[in-house]
């Protein structure tokens, strides 16, 4: 076994004992892209509802949808009754709450769906002047992708160590949802997004993520 391979295996073992939620890192960034107050918000792939509950601090109502009934049940249990958030088992392409919604968010979910069809569904459910924000995963393909991934490796381990104060721990509840690797490179996602959402802004981010922001005219 080569030295680089042994190093990667050691990092995998370290990260497994010091886990942290990469998606939650972007939740506050998402809030900074949004108005101080807005009406209806829709969180697609809401998981345990962490982002939906944050959105509820700004929104009149928040709808979280996910295809996994177990994770939806968990989100309902974690959400106070007084909070203006509801969670529904729904297909992201055909069963989204009608809206229109002033804000639509989608974190670590788009790569589970047909990209173009999902973005078109989000566009149709977004109110004029509304904001769509996607935090997604992409498959590293270019030299720039691989360089960013290499930079993220030690930062990922250091962040896990600091967040867990050096202790071994189980993954947070938000990391219990089913996952799959991304299969689209960033360039293909960008092309699809700008076809469906003219003027969309996309950017590679740390920790194997990208962001997409679009405001409907």
Protein backbone atom coordinates (compact mmCIF):
# COMPACT_ATOMS: atom_id res chain seq x y z
CA UNK A 1 0.00 0.00 0.00
CA UNK A 2 1.42 3.39 -1.01
CA UNK A 3 2.18 6.12 1.54
CA UNK A 4 -0.47 8.55 0.18
CA UNK A 5 -3.10 5.81 0.42
CA UNK A 6 -2.14 5.01 4.02
CA UNK A 7 -2.34 8.72 4.90
CA UNK A 8 -5.83 8.99 3.39
CA UNK A 9 -6.96 5.90 5.30
CA UNK A 10 -5.62 7.37 8.54
CA UNK A 11 -7.47 10.63 7.83
CA UNK A 12 -10.69 8.71 7.19
CA UNK A 13 -10.36 6.94 10.54
CA UNK A 14 -9.60 10.23 12.30
CA UNK A 15 -12.56 12.00 10.69
CA UNK A 16 -14.89 9.13 11.60
CA UNK A 17 -14.07 9.60 15.29
CA UNK A 18 -14.22 13.43 15.14
CA UNK A 19 -17.25 14.06 12.87
CA UNK A 20 -18.81 17.43 12.16
CA UNK A 21 -21.62 18.64 9.92
CA UNK A 22 -20.18 20.26 6.78
CA UNK A 23 -23.62 21.41 5.66
CA UNK A 24 -24.42 23.23 8.90
CA UNK A 25 -21.28 25.32 8.33
CA UNK A 26 -23.17 27.10 5.53
CA UNK A 27 -26.43 27.75 7.38
CA UNK A 28 -25.40 31.16 8.73
CA UNK A 29 -24.02 32.07 5.31
CA UNK A 30 -27.45 31.25 3.84
CA UNK A 31 -29.16 33.57 6.33
CA UNK A 32 -26.81 36.40 5.32
CA UNK A 33 -28.05 36.12 1.72
CA UNK A 34 -31.69 36.62 2.76
CA UNK A 35 -33.84 39.58 3.80
CA UNK A 36 -34.33 40.26 7.51
CA UNK A 37 -37.98 39.20 7.16
CA UNK A 38 -39.84 37.27 4.48
CA UNK A 39 -43.09 35.39 4.07
CA UNK A 40 -42.95 31.75 3.02
CA UNK A 41 -39.79 29.61 2.93
CA UNK A 42 -39.34 26.13 1.51
CA UNK A 43 -36.41 23.91 2.50
CA UNK A 44 -35.98 20.99 0.08
CA UNK A 45 -34.22 18.00 1.59
CA UNK A 46 -34.79 19.39 5.07
CA UNK A 47 -33.34 16.42 6.97
CA UNK A 48 -33.63 16.88 10.74
CA UNK A 49 -34.83 20.46 10.23
CA UNK A 50 -31.84 22.47 11.50
CA UNK A 51 -31.93 24.94 8.61
CA UNK A 52 -35.73 25.12 8.58
CA UNK A 53 -35.71 26.13 12.24
CA UNK A 54 -33.16 28.87 11.50
CA UNK A 55 -35.29 30.11 8.61
CA UNK A 56 -38.27 30.24 10.98
CA UNK A 57 -36.52 33.02 12.92
CA UNK A 58 -36.98 35.20 9.81
CA UNK A 59 -40.02 33.74 8.01
CA UNK A 60 -43.76 33.83 8.60
CA UNK A 61 -43.91 30.13 7.71
CA UNK A 62 -41.42 27.44 6.73
CA UNK A 63 -42.15 24.20 4.90
CA UNK A 64 -39.54 21.44 5.11
CA UNK A 65 -39.81 18.52 2.69
CA UNK A 66 -37.79 15.32 2.51
CA UNK A 67 -38.30 11.94 0.88
CA UNK A 68 -37.28 10.05 4.05
CA UNK A 69 -40.18 9.52 6.49
CA UNK A 70 -37.80 8.59 9.33
CA UNK A 71 -35.84 11.84 9.08
CA UNK A 72 -39.09 13.85 8.76
CA UNK A 73 -40.35 12.23 11.97
CA UNK A 74 -37.11 13.21 13.67
CA UNK A 75 -37.44 16.81 12.43
CA UNK A 76 -40.96 17.05 13.84
CA UNK A 77 -39.79 15.78 17.25
CA UNK A 78 -36.94 18.32 17.36
CA UNK A 79 -39.14 21.30 16.42
CA UNK A 80 -41.08 23.20 19.12
CA UNK A 81 -44.84 23.27 18.54
CA UNK A 82 -44.89 27.07 18.65
CA UNK A 83 -42.43 27.40 15.78
CA UNK A 84 -43.95 28.23 12.37
CA UNK A 85 -42.39 25.18 10.69
CA UNK A 86 -44.00 22.12 9.14
CA UNK A 87 -42.33 18.99 7.77
CA UNK A 88 -43.76 16.78 5.05
CA UNK A 89 -42.66 13.63 3.26
CA UNK A 90 -42.69 14.67 -0.39
CA UNK A 91 -41.05 14.13 -3.76
CA UNK A 92 -38.87 17.13 -4.62
CA UNK A 93 -39.89 17.09 -8.28
CA UNK A 94 -43.65 16.53 -8.12
CA UNK A 95 -44.94 17.18 -4.60
CA UNK A 96 -43.50 20.50 -3.45
CA UNK A 97 -45.88 22.80 -1.53
CA UNK A 98 -47.40 25.07 -4.16
CA UNK A 99 -46.25 28.43 -2.83
CA UNK A 100 -45.10 30.63 -4.37
CA UNK A 101 -42.30 30.87 -1.80
CA UNK A 102 -40.18 33.92 -1.09
CA UNK A 103 -37.19 31.73 -0.23
CA UNK A 104 -36.25 28.23 -1.36
CA UNK A 105 -33.20 26.47 0.06
CA UNK A 106 -31.68 23.14 -0.88
CA UNK A 107 -28.63 21.86 1.01
CA UNK A 108 -26.75 18.69 0.03
CA UNK A 109 -29.81 17.38 -1.82
CA UNK A 110 -29.60 18.45 -5.46
CA UNK A 111 -27.10 15.69 -6.34
CA UNK A 112 -29.76 13.14 -5.33
CA UNK A 113 -32.08 14.53 -8.04
CA UNK A 114 -32.09 15.08 -11.81
CA UNK A 115 -30.34 18.45 -11.79
CA UNK A 116 -32.15 20.31 -14.57
CA UNK A 117 -35.60 19.04 -13.62
CA UNK A 118 -35.09 19.92 -9.95
CA UNK A 119 -33.87 23.45 -10.68
CA UNK A 120 -36.85 23.97 -12.96
CA UNK A 121 -39.21 22.82 -10.19
CA UNK A 122 -37.58 25.23 -7.74
CA UNK A 123 -37.89 28.07 -10.27
CA UNK A 124 -41.60 27.41 -10.77
CA UNK A 125 -42.29 27.46 -7.02
CA UNK A 126 -40.30 30.63 -6.31
CA UNK A 127 -42.16 33.94 -6.02
CA UNK A 128 -41.17 36.90 -8.22
CA UNK A 129 -38.31 38.65 -6.43
CA UNK A 130 -37.71 35.52 -4.35
CA UNK A 131 -34.34 33.94 -3.60
CA UNK A 132 -33.14 30.40 -4.32
CA UNK A 133 -30.03 29.17 -2.51
CA UNK A 134 -28.42 25.80 -3.14
CA UNK A 135 -25.46 24.36 -1.25
CA UNK A 136 -24.47 21.30 -3.22
CA UNK A 137 -21.85 18.64 -3.78
CA UNK A 138 -19.92 18.17 -7.01
CA UNK A 139 -17.53 15.56 -8.37
CA UNK A 140 -13.92 16.85 -8.52
CA UNK A 141 -12.84 16.91 -12.16
CA UNK A 142 -10.41 19.75 -12.91
CA UNK A 143 -7.00 20.55 -11.43
CA UNK A 144 -8.62 23.41 -9.48
CA UNK A 145 -11.19 20.99 -8.02
CA UNK A 146 -8.50 18.57 -6.85
CA UNK A 147 -6.38 21.39 -5.41
CA UNK A 148 -9.32 22.70 -3.38
CA UNK A 149 -10.06 19.16 -2.17
CA UNK A 150 -6.42 18.72 -1.10
CA UNK A 151 -6.51 21.99 0.83
CA UNK A 152 -9.73 20.87 2.54
CA UNK A 153 -8.28 17.57 3.84
CA UNK A 154 -6.16 18.93 6.71
CA UNK A 155 -8.65 21.73 7.43
CA UNK A 156 -11.43 19.15 7.71
CA UNK A 157 -9.47 17.11 10.26
CA UNK A 158 -8.50 20.21 12.25
CA UNK A 159 -12.09 21.47 12.31
CA UNK A 160 -13.36 18.10 13.52
CA UNK A 161 -10.75 18.05 16.28
CA UNK A 162 -11.59 21.58 17.44
CA UNK A 163 -15.37 21.21 17.28
CA UNK A 164 -15.20 17.98 19.30
CA UNK A 165 -12.53 19.37 21.68
CA UNK A 166 -10.26 16.47 20.83
CA UNK A 167 -12.76 13.85 21.98
CA UNK A 168 -14.09 10.92 19.99
CA UNK A 169 -17.82 11.28 19.45
CA UNK A 170 -20.77 9.95 17.50
CA UNK A 171 -22.02 11.88 14.45
CA UNK A 172 -24.61 14.59 15.20
CA UNK A 173 -28.25 13.78 14.49
CA UNK A 174 -28.14 15.94 11.35
CA UNK A 175 -25.62 13.50 9.83
CA UNK A 176 -27.83 10.42 10.14
CA UNK A 177 -29.65 10.94 6.81
CA UNK A 178 -28.81 8.69 3.87
CA UNK A 179 -26.10 10.08 1.59
CA UNK A 180 -24.59 9.35 -1.81
CA UNK A 181 -21.56 10.75 -3.64
CA UNK A 182 -21.99 13.46 -6.25
CA UNK A 183 -21.63 12.41 -9.89
CA UNK A 184 -21.77 15.77 -11.74
CA UNK A 185 -18.69 17.98 -12.11
CA UNK A 186 -19.01 21.65 -11.24
CA UNK A 187 -18.85 22.72 -14.90
CA UNK A 188 -21.92 20.62 -15.79
CA UNK A 189 -23.86 21.93 -12.79
CA UNK A 190 -22.99 25.50 -13.80
CA UNK A 191 -24.15 24.92 -17.38
CA UNK A 192 -27.45 23.39 -16.24
CA UNK A 193 -28.09 26.14 -13.70
CA UNK A 194 -27.44 29.01 -16.09
CA UNK A 195 -29.73 27.45 -18.67
CA UNK A 196 -32.65 27.11 -16.25
CA UNK A 197 -31.83 30.10 -14.03
CA UNK A 198 -30.33 32.92 -16.14
CA UNK A 199 -28.03 35.05 -14.02
CA UNK A 200 -27.47 32.40 -11.35
CA UNK A 201 -24.23 32.83 -9.39
CA UNK A 202 -22.23 29.70 -8.63
CA UNK A 203 -19.01 29.34 -6.67
CA UNK A 204 -16.82 26.47 -5.52
CA UNK A 205 -16.48 26.33 -1.73
CA UNK A 206 -14.40 24.52 0.84
CA UNK A 207 -15.22 21.05 2.09
CA UNK A 208 -16.40 19.66 -1.25
CA UNK A 209 -19.31 22.06 -1.63
CA UNK A 210 -20.48 24.74 -4.07
CA UNK A 211 -23.09 27.45 -3.68
CA UNK A 212 -25.72 28.66 -6.11
CA UNK A 213 -27.71 31.87 -5.59
CA UNK A 214 -30.50 33.10 -7.86
CA UNK A 215 -33.08 35.82 -7.47
CA UNK A 216 -36.16 35.49 -9.63
CA UNK A 217 -36.93 38.63 -11.65
